[in-house]
PDB file of N, CA and C in Angstrom:
ATOM      1  N   MET A   1      76.315  49.274  66.946  1.00  0.00           N
ATOM      2  CA  MET A   1      75.900  49.913  65.715  1.00  0.00           C
ATOM      3  C   MET A   1      74.370  49.936  65.687  1.00  0.00           C
ATOM      4  N   PRO A   2      73.787  51.070  65.360  1.00  0.00           N
ATOM      5  CA  PRO A   2      72.320  51.147  65.321  1.00  0.00           C
ATOM      6  C   PRO A   2      71.715  50.170  64.311  1.00  0.00           C
ATOM      7  N   GLY A   3      70.563  49.613  64.677  1.00  0.00           N
ATOM      8  CA  GLY A   3      69.872  48.660  63.806  1.00  0.00           C
ATOM      9  C   GLY A   3      69.593  49.226  62.423  1.00  0.00           C
ATOM     10  N   LYS A   4      69.310  50.516  62.348  1.00  0.00           N
ATOM     11  CA  LYS A   4      69.032  51.175  61.075  1.00  0.00           C
ATOM     12  C   LYS A   4      70.235  51.050  60.125  1.00  0.00           C
ATOM     13  N   ILE A   5      71.439  51.187  60.675  1.00  0.00           N
ATOM     14  CA  ILE A   5      72.662  51.076  59.876  1.00  0.00           C
ATOM     15  C   ILE A   5      72.891  49.625  59.453  1.00  0.00           C
ATOM     16  N   ILE A   6      72.656  48.696  60.362  1.00  0.00           N
ATOM     17  CA  ILE A   6      72.825  47.276  60.037  1.00  0.00           C
ATOM     18  C   ILE A   6      71.864  46.889  58.912  1.00  0.00           C
ATOM     19  N   LYS A   7      70.624  47.353  59.001  1.00  0.00           N
ATOM     20  CA  LYS A   7      69.642  47.063  57.952  1.00  0.00           C
ATOM     21  C   LYS A   7      70.098  47.628  56.608  1.00  0.00           C
ATOM     22  N   LEU A   8      70.586  48.860  56.616  1.00  0.00           N
ATOM     23  CA  LEU A   8      71.082  49.478  55.387  1.00  0.00           C
ATOM     24  C   LEU A   8      72.263  48.681  54.823  1.00  0.00           C
ATOM     25  N   MET A   9      73.155  48.243  55.688  1.00  0.00           N
ATOM     26  CA  MET A   9      74.306  47.451  55.245  1.00  0.00           C
ATOM     27  C   MET A   9      73.845  46.128  54.619  1.00  0.00           C
ATOM     28  N   MET A  10      72.804  45.540  55.187  1.00  0.00           N
ATOM     29  CA  MET A  10      72.256  44.299  54.627  1.00  0.00           C
ATOM     30  C   MET A  10      71.679  44.559  53.234  1.00  0.00           C
ATOM     31  N   GLU A  11      70.921  45.651  53.112  1.00  0.00           N
ATOM     32  CA  GLU A  11      70.317  45.997  51.823  1.00  0.00           C
ATOM     33  C   GLU A  11      71.374  46.263  50.759  1.00  0.00           C
ATOM     34  N   LEU A  12      72.499  46.829  51.178  1.00  0.00           N
ATOM     35  CA  LEU A  12      73.571  47.148  50.238  1.00  0.00           C
ATOM     36  C   LEU A  12      74.533  45.971  50.003  1.00  0.00           C
ATOM     37  N   GLY A  13      74.291  44.850  50.676  1.00  0.00           N
ATOM     38  CA  GLY A  13      75.086  43.647  50.460  1.00  0.00           C
ATOM     39  C   GLY A  13      76.445  43.638  51.142  1.00  0.00           C
ATOM     40  N   TYR A  14      76.633  44.472  52.162  1.00  0.00           N
ATOM     41  CA  TYR A  14      77.926  44.538  52.839  1.00  0.00           C
ATOM     42  C   TYR A  14      78.324  43.217  53.491  1.00  0.00           C
ATOM     43  N   PHE A  15      77.354  42.443  53.919  1.00  0.00           N
ATOM     44  CA  PHE A  15      77.674  41.197  54.610  1.00  0.00           C
ATOM     45  C   PHE A  15      77.955  40.054  53.640  1.00  0.00           C
ATOM     46  N   ASN A  16      77.905  40.324  52.348  1.00  0.00           N
ATOM     47  CA  ASN A  16      78.247  39.324  51.338  1.00  0.00           C
ATOM     48  C   ASN A  16      79.744  39.296  51.062  1.00  0.00           C
ATOM     49  N   TYR A  17      80.458  40.288  51.563  1.00  0.00           N
ATOM     50  CA  TYR A  17      81.902  40.362  51.360  1.00  0.00           C
ATOM     51  C   TYR A  17      82.618  39.559  52.435  1.00  0.00           C
ATOM     52  N   PRO A  18      83.851  39.138  52.180  1.00  0.00           N
ATOM     53  CA  PRO A  18      84.610  38.411  53.208  1.00  0.00           C
ATOM     54  C   PRO A  18      84.744  39.235  54.488  1.00  0.00           C
ATOM     55  N   SER A  19      84.705  38.574  55.620  1.00  0.00           N
ATOM     56  CA  SER A  19      84.719  39.264  56.910  1.00  0.00           C
ATOM     57  C   SER A  19      86.013  40.028  57.170  1.00  0.00           C
ATOM     58  N   GLU A  20      87.081  39.662  56.491  1.00  0.00           N
ATOM     59  CA  GLU A  20      88.342  40.372  56.709  1.00  0.00           C
ATOM     60  C   GLU A  20      88.459  41.668  55.896  1.00  0.00           C
ATOM     61  N   TYR A  21      87.471  41.940  55.049  1.00  0.00           N
ATOM     62  CA  TYR A  21      87.482  43.168  54.245  1.00  0.00           C
ATOM     63  C   TYR A  21      87.196  44.381  55.128  1.00  0.00           C
ATOM     64  N   TYR A  22      87.766  45.502  54.724  1.00  0.00           N
ATOM     65  CA  TYR A  22      87.414  46.777  55.334  1.00  0.00           C
ATOM     66  C   TYR A  22      86.052  47.191  54.786  1.00  0.00           C
ATOM     67  N   ILE A  23      85.251  47.843  55.622  1.00  0.00           N
ATOM     68  CA  ILE A  23      83.926  48.282  55.174  1.00  0.00           C
ATOM     69  C   ILE A  23      84.059  49.268  54.028  1.00  0.00           C
ATOM     70  N   PHE A  24      85.017  50.189  54.146  1.00  0.00           N
ATOM     71  CA  PHE A  24      85.268  51.155  53.084  1.00  0.00           C
ATOM     72  C   PHE A  24      86.703  50.992  52.614  1.00  0.00           C
ATOM     73  N   SER A  25      86.862  50.658  51.369  1.00  0.00           N
ATOM     74  CA  SER A  25      88.171  50.500  50.764  1.00  0.00           C
ATOM     75  C   SER A  25      88.214  51.394  49.525  1.00  0.00           C
ATOM     76  N   LYS A  26      88.858  50.963  48.483  1.00  0.00           N
ATOM     77  CA  LYS A  26      88.904  51.760  47.254  1.00  0.00           C
ATOM     78  C   LYS A  26      87.505  51.956  46.702  1.00  0.00           C
ATOM     79  N   ASP A  27      87.263  53.123  46.134  1.00  0.00           N
ATOM     80  CA  ASP A  27      85.970  53.490  45.554  1.00  0.00           C
ATOM     81  C   ASP A  27      84.831  53.447  46.568  1.00  0.00           C
ATOM     82  N   PHE A  28      85.186  53.569  47.873  1.00  0.00           N
ATOM     83  CA  PHE A  28      84.195  53.614  48.957  1.00  0.00           C
ATOM     84  C   PHE A  28      83.382  52.326  49.068  1.00  0.00           C
ATOM     85  N   LYS A  29      83.958  51.232  48.635  1.00  0.00           N
ATOM     86  CA  LYS A  29      83.297  49.923  48.691  1.00  0.00           C
ATOM     87  C   LYS A  29      84.115  48.990  49.576  1.00  0.00           C
ATOM     88  N   PRO A  30      83.504  47.897  50.067  1.00  0.00           N
ATOM     89  CA  PRO A  30      84.279  46.939  50.857  1.00  0.00           C
ATOM     90  C   PRO A  30      85.434  46.385  50.022  1.00  0.00           C
ATOM     91  N   GLY A  31      86.558  46.170  50.687  1.00  0.00           N
ATOM     92  CA  GLY A  31      87.715  45.629  49.980  1.00  0.00           C
ATOM     93  C   GLY A  31      88.830  45.259  50.927  1.00  0.00           C
ATOM     94  N   PRO A  32      89.851  44.609  50.408  1.00  0.00           N
ATOM     95  CA  PRO A  32      90.954  44.126  51.248  1.00  0.00           C
ATOM     96  C   PRO A  32      91.975  45.197  51.621  1.00  0.00           C
ATOM     97  N   GLU A  33      91.921  46.357  50.968  1.00  0.00           N
ATOM     98  CA  GLU A  33      92.923  47.394  51.208  1.00  0.00           C
ATOM     99  C   GLU A  33      92.408  48.491  52.139  1.00  0.00           C
ATOM    100  N   TRP A  34      93.244  48.847  53.113  1.00  0.00           N
ATOM    101  CA  TRP A  34      92.944  49.950  54.012  1.00  0.00           C
ATOM    102  C   TRP A  34      93.114  51.252  53.248  1.00  0.00           C
ATOM    103  N   VAL A  35      92.204  52.189  53.458  1.00  0.00           N
ATOM    104  CA  VAL A  35      92.277  53.496  52.819  1.00  0.00           C
ATOM    105  C   VAL A  35      92.392  54.547  53.911  1.00  0.00           C
ATOM    106  N   ASN A  36      93.328  55.453  53.752  1.00  0.00           N
ATOM    107  CA  ASN A  36      93.561  56.511  54.716  1.00  0.00           C
ATOM    108  C   ASN A  36      92.325  57.399  54.834  1.00  0.00           C
ATOM    109  N   GLU A  37      92.040  57.845  56.070  1.00  0.00           N
ATOM    110  CA  GLU A  37      90.856  58.694  56.293  1.00  0.00           C
ATOM    111  C   GLU A  37      90.924  60.016  55.533  1.00  0.00           C
ATOM    112  N   LYS A  38      92.128  60.438  55.142  1.00  0.00           N
ATOM    113  CA  LYS A  38      92.277  61.664  54.353  1.00  0.00           C
ATOM    114  C   LYS A  38      91.513  61.551  53.037  1.00  0.00           C
ATOM    115  N   THR A  39      91.387  60.359  52.509  1.00  0.00           N
ATOM    116  CA  THR A  39      90.621  60.126  51.281  1.00  0.00           C
ATOM    117  C   THR A  39      89.189  60.609  51.449  1.00  0.00           C
ATOM    118  N   TYR A  40      88.591  60.310  52.599  1.00  0.00           N
ATOM    119  CA  TYR A  40      87.205  60.684  52.858  1.00  0.00           C
ATOM    120  C   TYR A  40      87.072  62.178  53.149  1.00  0.00           C
ATOM    121  N   ARG A  41      88.035  62.719  53.882  1.00  0.00           N
ATOM    122  CA  ARG A  41      88.016  64.164  54.143  1.00  0.00           C
ATOM    123  C   ARG A  41      88.131  64.940  52.836  1.00  0.00           C
ATOM    124  N   ASP A  42      89.034  64.504  51.967  1.00  0.00           N
ATOM    125  CA  ASP A  42      89.214  65.191  50.682  1.00  0.00           C
ATOM    126  C   ASP A  42      87.960  65.091  49.818  1.00  0.00           C
ATOM    127  N   TYR A  43      87.351  63.920  49.788  1.00  0.00           N
ATOM    128  CA  TYR A  43      86.139  63.738  48.992  1.00  0.00           C
ATOM    129  C   TYR A  43      85.035  64.658  49.501  1.00  0.00           C
ATOM    130  N   TRP A  44      84.923  64.731  50.824  1.00  0.00           N
ATOM    131  CA  TRP A  44      83.960  65.631  51.448  1.00  0.00           C
ATOM    132  C   TRP A  44      84.244  67.074  51.036  1.00  0.00           C
ATOM    133  N   SER A  45      85.506  67.487  51.156  1.00  0.00           N
ATOM    134  CA  SER A  45      85.891  68.878  50.903  1.00  0.00           C
ATOM    135  C   SER A  45      85.747  69.296  49.443  1.00  0.00           C
ATOM    136  N   TYR A  46      86.075  68.390  48.529  1.00  0.00           N
ATOM    137  CA  TYR A  46      86.092  68.759  47.113  1.00  0.00           C
ATOM    138  C   TYR A  46      84.802  68.439  46.358  1.00  0.00           C
ATOM    139  N   TYR A  47      84.002  67.511  46.891  1.00  0.00           N
ATOM    140  CA  TYR A  47      82.808  67.095  46.147  1.00  0.00           C
ATOM    141  C   TYR A  47      81.499  67.262  46.930  1.00  0.00           C
ATOM    142  N   VAL A  48      81.412  66.649  48.096  1.00  0.00           N
ATOM    143  CA  VAL A  48      80.152  66.612  48.843  1.00  0.00           C
ATOM    144  C   VAL A  48      79.776  67.986  49.390  1.00  0.00           C
ATOM    145  N   ARG A  49      80.679  68.605  50.147  1.00  0.00           N
ATOM    146  CA  ARG A  49      80.361  69.909  50.753  1.00  0.00           C
ATOM    147  C   ARG A  49      79.988  70.956  49.705  1.00  0.00           C
ATOM    148  N   PRO A  50      80.758  71.094  48.610  1.00  0.00           N
ATOM    149  CA  PRO A  50      80.358  72.074  47.589  1.00  0.00           C
ATOM    150  C   PRO A  50      79.015  71.739  46.938  1.00  0.00           C
ATOM    151  N   ALA A  51      78.757  70.442  46.708  1.00  0.00           N
ATOM    152  CA  ALA A  51      77.493  70.041  46.083  1.00  0.00           C
ATOM    153  C   ALA A  51      76.302  70.394  46.970  1.00  0.00           C
ATOM    154  N   LEU A  52      76.504  70.323  48.277  1.00  0.00           N
ATOM    155  CA  LEU A  52      75.439  70.663  49.226  1.00  0.00           C
ATOM    156  C   LEU A  52      75.418  72.145  49.573  1.00  0.00           C
ATOM    157  N   LYS A  53      76.392  72.870  49.026  1.00  0.00           N
ATOM    158  CA  LYS A  53      76.527  74.312  49.280  1.00  0.00           C
ATOM    159  C   LYS A  53      76.702  74.621  50.770  1.00  0.00           C
ATOM    160  N   PHE A  54      77.426  73.752  51.452  1.00  0.00           N
ATOM    161  CA  PHE A  54      77.754  73.973  52.858  1.00  0.00           C
ATOM    162  C   PHE A  54      78.966  74.893  52.942  1.00  0.00           C
ATOM    163  N   PRO A  55      79.040  75.710  53.989  1.00  0.00           N
ATOM    164  CA  PRO A  55      80.211  76.580  54.155  1.00  0.00           C
ATOM    165  C   PRO A  55      81.468  75.757  54.465  1.00  0.00           C
ATOM    166  N   LYS A  56      82.621  76.345  54.230  1.00  0.00           N
ATOM    167  CA  LYS A  56      83.893  75.650  54.455  1.00  0.00           C
ATOM    168  C   LYS A  56      84.105  75.263  55.917  1.00  0.00           C
ATOM    169  N   GLU A  57      83.399  75.923  56.823  1.00  0.00           N
ATOM    170  CA  GLU A  57      83.528  75.595  58.242  1.00  0.00           C
ATOM    171  C   GLU A  57      82.988  74.197  58.552  1.00  0.00           C
ATOM    172  N   TYR A  58      82.132  73.653  57.674  1.00  0.00           N
ATOM    173  CA  TYR A  58      81.579  72.317  57.886  1.00  0.00           C
ATOM    174  C   TYR A  58      82.606  71.296  57.438  1.00  0.00           C
ATOM    175  N   LYS A  59      83.227  70.665  58.411  1.00  0.00           N
ATOM    176  CA  LYS A  59      84.244  69.656  58.139  1.00  0.00           C
ATOM    177  C   LYS A  59      83.602  68.275  58.108  1.00  0.00           C
ATOM    178  N   PHE A  60      84.306  67.313  57.570  1.00  0.00           N
ATOM    179  CA  PHE A  60      83.809  65.940  57.552  1.00  0.00           C
ATOM    180  C   PHE A  60      83.512  65.480  58.981  1.00  0.00           C
ATOM    181  N   TYR A  61      84.373  65.880  59.906  1.00  0.00           N
ATOM    182  CA  TYR A  61      84.196  65.517  61.315  1.00  0.00           C
ATOM    183  C   TYR A  61      82.923  66.116  61.898  1.00  0.00           C
ATOM    184  N   SER A  62      82.416  67.183  61.292  1.00  0.00           N
ATOM    185  CA  SER A  62      81.184  67.812  61.766  1.00  0.00           C
ATOM    186  C   SER A  62      80.012  66.831  61.745  1.00  0.00           C
ATOM    187  N   LEU A  63      80.067  65.851  60.851  1.00  0.00           N
ATOM    188  CA  LEU A  63      78.995  64.847  60.788  1.00  0.00           C
ATOM    189  C   LEU A  63      78.923  64.072  62.099  1.00  0.00           C
ATOM    190  N   LYS A  64      80.088  63.784  62.667  1.00  0.00           N
ATOM    191  CA  LYS A  64      80.127  63.075  63.946  1.00  0.00           C
ATOM    192  C   LYS A  64      79.530  63.961  65.043  1.00  0.00           C
ATOM    193  N   ASP A  65      79.887  65.244  65.033  1.00  0.00           N
ATOM    194  CA  ASP A  65      79.326  66.174  66.017  1.00  0.00           C
ATOM    195  C   ASP A  65      77.809  66.220  65.919  1.00  0.00           C
ATOM    196  N   THR A  66      77.301  66.239  64.699  1.00  0.00           N
ATOM    197  CA  THR A  66      75.849  66.273  64.480  1.00  0.00           C
ATOM    198  C   THR A  66      75.199  65.013  65.036  1.00  0.00           C
ATOM    199  N   GLY A  67      75.833  63.870  64.824  1.00  0.00           N
ATOM    200  CA  GLY A  67      75.301  62.614  65.350  1.00  0.00           C
ATOM    201  C   GLY A  67      75.258  62.608  66.868  1.00  0.00           C
ATOM    202  N   ILE A  68      76.320  63.130  67.484  1.00  0.00           N
ATOM    203  CA  ILE A  68      76.375  63.205  68.945  1.00  0.00           C
ATOM    204  C   ILE A  68      75.239  64.084  69.465  1.00  0.00           C
ATOM    205  N   THR A  69      75.080  65.231  68.853  1.00  0.00           N
ATOM    206  CA  THR A  69      74.014  66.149  69.268  1.00  0.00           C
ATOM    207  C   THR A  69      72.640  65.505  69.091  1.00  0.00           C
ATOM    208  N   SER A  70      72.430  64.838  67.971  1.00  0.00           N
ATOM    209  CA  SER A  70      71.133  64.188  67.716  1.00  0.00           C
ATOM    210  C   SER A  70      70.833  63.124  68.761  1.00  0.00           C
ATOM    211  N   MET A  71      71.829  62.332  69.113  1.00  0.00           N
ATOM    212  CA  MET A  71      71.624  61.288  70.120  1.00  0.00           C
ATOM    213  C   MET A  71      71.287  61.897  71.482  1.00  0.00           C
ATOM    214  N   LEU A  72      72.006  62.948  71.848  1.00  0.00           N
ATOM    215  CA  LEU A  72      71.739  63.585  73.138  1.00  0.00           C
ATOM    216  C   LEU A  72      70.358  64.223  73.163  1.00  0.00           C
ATOM    217  N   ARG A  73      69.973  64.878  72.072  1.00  0.00           N
ATOM    218  CA  ARG A  73      68.645  65.499  72.000  1.00  0.00           C
ATOM    219  C   ARG A  73      67.530  64.438  72.047  1.00  0.00           C
ATOM    220  N   ALA A  74      67.834  63.251  71.545  1.00  0.00           N
ATOM    221  CA  ALA A  74      66.840  62.173  71.551  1.00  0.00           C
ATOM    222  C   ALA A  74      66.725  61.517  72.926  1.00  0.00           C
ATOM    223  N   GLY A  75      67.580  61.932  73.857  1.00  0.00           N
ATOM    224  CA  GLY A  75      67.471  61.428  75.222  1.00  0.00           C
ATOM    225  C   GLY A  75      68.404  60.287  75.567  1.00  0.00           C
ATOM    226  N   TYR A  76      69.336  59.954  74.678  1.00  0.00           N
ATOM    227  CA  TYR A  76      70.288  58.894  74.998  1.00  0.00           C
ATOM    228  C   TYR A  76      71.213  59.368  76.108  1.00  0.00           C
ATOM    229  N   ASP A  77      71.588  58.453  76.973  1.00  0.00           N
ATOM    230  CA  ASP A  77      72.474  58.815  78.071  1.00  0.00           C
ATOM    231  C   ASP A  77      73.888  59.079  77.541  1.00  0.00           C
ATOM    232  N   THR A  78      74.624  59.908  78.262  1.00  0.00           N
ATOM    233  CA  THR A  78      75.945  60.318  77.793  1.00  0.00           C
ATOM    234  C   THR A  78      76.930  59.158  77.694  1.00  0.00           C
ATOM    235  N   LEU A  79      76.785  58.138  78.525  1.00  0.00           N
ATOM    236  CA  LEU A  79      77.694  56.988  78.447  1.00  0.00           C
ATOM    237  C   LEU A  79      77.509  56.251  77.118  1.00  0.00           C
ATOM    238  N   SER A  80      76.255  56.054  76.718  1.00  0.00           N
ATOM    239  CA  SER A  80      75.982  55.394  75.429  1.00  0.00           C
ATOM    240  C   SER A  80      76.501  56.243  74.272  1.00  0.00           C
ATOM    241  N   VAL A  81      76.304  57.549  74.364  1.00  0.00           N
ATOM    242  CA  VAL A  81      76.778  58.455  73.311  1.00  0.00           C
ATOM    243  C   VAL A  81      78.295  58.432  73.262  1.00  0.00           C
ATOM    244  N   LYS A  82      78.941  58.436  74.408  1.00  0.00           N
ATOM    245  CA  LYS A  82      80.409  58.368  74.494  1.00  0.00           C
ATOM    246  C   LYS A  82      80.917  57.123  73.781  1.00  0.00           C
ATOM    247  N   GLU A  83      80.283  55.989  74.042  1.00  0.00           N
ATOM    248  CA  GLU A  83      80.714  54.734  73.425  1.00  0.00           C
ATOM    249  C   GLU A  83      80.485  54.749  71.918  1.00  0.00           C
ATOM    250  N   GLN A  84      79.355  55.263  71.481  1.00  0.00           N
ATOM    251  CA  GLN A  84      79.065  55.332  70.043  1.00  0.00           C
ATOM    252  C   GLN A  84      80.046  56.257  69.338  1.00  0.00           C
ATOM    253  N   ALA A  85      80.418  57.357  69.998  1.00  0.00           N
ATOM    254  CA  ALA A  85      81.337  58.324  69.397  1.00  0.00           C
ATOM    255  C   ALA A  85      82.796  57.891  69.531  1.00  0.00           C
ATOM    256  N   ARG A  86      83.028  56.838  70.296  1.00  0.00           N
ATOM    257  CA  ARG A  86      84.380  56.324  70.545  1.00  0.00           C
ATOM    258  C   ARG A  86      85.263  57.373  71.219  1.00  0.00           C
ATOM    259  N   HIS A  87      84.656  58.129  72.137  1.00  0.00           N
ATOM    260  CA  HIS A  87      85.423  59.104  72.913  1.00  0.00           C
ATOM    261  C   HIS A  87      86.171  58.386  74.023  1.00  0.00           C
ATOM    262  N   SER A  88      87.297  58.959  74.425  1.00  0.00           N
ATOM    263  CA  SER A  88      88.111  58.356  75.474  1.00  0.00           C
ATOM    264  C   SER A  88      87.537  58.600  76.870  1.00  0.00           C
ATOM    265  N   SER A  89      86.688  59.608  76.994  1.00  0.00           N
ATOM    266  CA  SER A  89      86.124  59.916  78.308  1.00  0.00           C
ATOM    267  C   SER A  89      84.789  60.646  78.150  1.00  0.00           C
ATOM    268  N   LEU A  90      84.036  60.672  79.252  1.00  0.00           N
ATOM    269  CA  LEU A  90      82.781  61.427  79.257  1.00  0.00           C
ATOM    270  C   LEU A  90      83.049  62.923  79.150  1.00  0.00           C
ATOM    271  N   LEU A  91      84.212  63.353  79.625  1.00  0.00           N
ATOM    272  CA  LEU A  91      84.580  64.763  79.516  1.00  0.00           C
ATOM    273  C   LEU A  91      84.641  65.174  78.042  1.00  0.00           C
ATOM    274  N   MET A  92      85.178  64.308  77.196  1.00  0.00           N
ATOM    275  CA  MET A  92      85.246  64.604  75.754  1.00  0.00           C
ATOM    276  C   MET A  92      83.839  64.715  75.181  1.00  0.00           C
ATOM    277  N   THR A  93      82.952  63.823  75.560  1.00  0.00           N
ATOM    278  CA  THR A  93      81.569  63.882  75.084  1.00  0.00           C
ATOM    279  C   THR A  93      80.909  65.174  75.564  1.00  0.00           C
ATOM    280  N   ASP A  94      81.188  65.549  76.798  1.00  0.00           N
ATOM    281  CA  ASP A  94      80.606  66.763  77.358  1.00  0.00           C
ATOM    282  C   ASP A  94      81.045  68.008  76.581  1.00  0.00           C
ATOM    283  N   ILE A  95      82.258  67.997  76.064  1.00  0.00           N
ATOM    284  CA  ILE A  95      82.752  69.126  75.271  1.00  0.00           C
ATOM    285  C   ILE A  95      81.870  69.342  74.044  1.00  0.00           C
ATOM    286  N   TYR A  96      81.376  68.248  73.452  1.00  0.00           N
ATOM    287  CA  TYR A  96      80.558  68.335  72.244  1.00  0.00           C
ATOM    288  C   TYR A  96      79.068  68.502  72.540  1.00  0.00           C
ATOM    289  N   THR A  97      78.684  68.490  73.820  1.00  0.00           N
ATOM    290  CA  THR A  97      77.287  68.626  74.179  1.00  0.00           C
ATOM    291  C   THR A  97      76.857  70.083  74.049  1.00  0.00           C
ATOM    292  N   PRO A  98      75.860  70.371  73.213  1.00  0.00           N
ATOM    293  CA  PRO A  98      75.386  71.749  73.072  1.00  0.00           C
ATOM    294  C   PRO A  98      74.887  72.302  74.409  1.00  0.00           C
ATOM    295  N   GLN A  99      75.113  73.570  74.631  1.00  0.00           N
ATOM    296  CA  GLN A  99      74.753  74.206  75.901  1.00  0.00           C
ATOM    297  C   GLN A  99      73.253  74.146  76.185  1.00  0.00           C
ATOM    298  N   ASP A 100      72.426  74.148  75.152  1.00  0.00           N
ATOM    299  CA  ASP A 100      70.975  74.176  75.391  1.00  0.00           C
ATOM    300  C   ASP A 100      70.407  72.839  75.865  1.00  0.00           C
ATOM    301  N   ILE A 101      71.218  71.780  75.850  1.00  0.00           N
ATOM    302  CA  ILE A 101      70.699  70.513  76.375  1.00  0.00           C
ATOM    303  C   ILE A 101      71.447  70.082  77.631  1.00  0.00           C
ATOM    304  N   LYS A 102      72.207  70.970  78.204  1.00  0.00           N
ATOM    305  CA  LYS A 102      72.893  70.684  79.463  1.00  0.00           C
ATOM    306  C   LYS A 102      71.978  71.072  80.614  1.00  0.00           C
ATOM    307  N   GLU A 103      70.887  70.357  80.729  1.00  0.00           N
ATOM    308  CA  GLU A 103      69.918  70.612  81.786  1.00  0.00           C
ATOM    309  C   GLU A 103      69.862  69.404  82.707  1.00  0.00           C
ATOM    310  N   ALA A 104      69.224  69.578  83.827  1.00  0.00           N
ATOM    311  CA  ALA A 104      69.051  68.466  84.750  1.00  0.00           C
ATOM    312  C   ALA A 104      68.233  67.364  84.085  1.00  0.00           C
ATOM    313  N   ASN A 105      68.610  66.158  84.331  1.00  0.00           N
ATOM    314  CA  ASN A 105      67.917  65.009  83.775  1.00  0.00           C
ATOM    315  C   ASN A 105      66.581  64.834  84.502  1.00  0.00           C
ATOM    316  N   PRO A 106      65.451  64.909  83.799  1.00  0.00           N
ATOM    317  CA  PRO A 106      64.146  64.820  84.461  1.00  0.00           C
ATOM    318  C   PRO A 106      63.904  63.480  85.149  1.00  0.00           C
ATOM    319  N   THR A 107      64.589  62.422  84.727  1.00  0.00           N
ATOM    320  CA  THR A 107      64.382  61.122  85.373  1.00  0.00           C
ATOM    321  C   THR A 107      64.925  61.127  86.799  1.00  0.00           C
ATOM    322  N   LEU A 108      65.822  62.059  87.110  1.00  0.00           N
ATOM    323  CA  LEU A 108      66.372  62.124  88.467  1.00  0.00           C
ATOM    324  C   LEU A 108      65.359  62.674  89.471  1.00  0.00           C
ATOM    325  N   LEU A 109      64.318  63.338  88.983  1.00  0.00           N
ATOM    326  CA  LEU A 109      63.293  63.884  89.890  1.00  0.00           C
ATOM    327  C   LEU A 109      62.634  62.770  90.706  1.00  0.00           C
ATOM    328  N   ASN A 110      62.563  61.584  90.160  1.00  0.00           N
ATOM    329  CA  ASN A 110      61.881  60.479  90.830  1.00  0.00           C
ATOM    330  C   ASN A 110      62.854  59.537  91.551  1.00  0.00           C
ATOM    331  N   TYR A 111      64.131  59.917  91.616  1.00  0.00           N
ATOM    332  CA  TYR A 111      65.116  59.086  92.311  1.00  0.00           C
ATOM    333  C   TYR A 111      64.736  58.992  93.783  1.00  0.00           C
ATOM    334  N   ASN A 112      64.750  57.770  94.302  1.00  0.00           N
ATOM    335  CA  ASN A 112      64.296  57.552  95.664  1.00  0.00           C
ATOM    336  C   ASN A 112      65.322  56.758  96.462  1.00  0.00           C
ATOM    337  N   GLY A 113      66.612  57.074  96.263  1.00  0.00           N
ATOM    338  CA  GLY A 113      67.673  56.353  96.949  1.00  0.00           C
ATOM    339  C   GLY A 113      67.899  56.846  98.366  1.00  0.00           C
ATOM    340  N   ILE A 114      68.957  56.375  99.003  1.00  0.00           N
ATOM    341  CA  ILE A 114      69.278  56.720 100.397  1.00  0.00           C
ATOM    342  C   ILE A 114      69.604  58.199 100.520  1.00  0.00           C
ATOM    343  N   LEU A 115      70.380  58.724  99.576  1.00  0.00           N
ATOM    344  CA  LEU A 115      70.764  60.141  99.665  1.00  0.00           C
ATOM    345  C   LEU A 115      69.980  60.980  98.713  1.00  0.00           C
TER     346      LEU A 115
END
């Protein structure tokens, strides 16, 4: 988890709750009850997306796609991005990689191995 998120969680008091609590439970707060992900998709669809005037094509899952793209544009390696996105394979991460950043890695120019 990025340090920025951990810091935010500390500021919001997330670590003051019992460790067995879910991070997001009822009312989007830590709690003992598991909440179905449909709750978050619905909240996004009925409240957040309209408030931001985003088109209907922007799904809650689009936030994850945006994060993946941001990490890749910032120069993070695909393996790290794959792990952060919880993808099952690098092929899945590659599917979400925008075409304009599918270029040769400049760090390979200085590779000095046997082959």
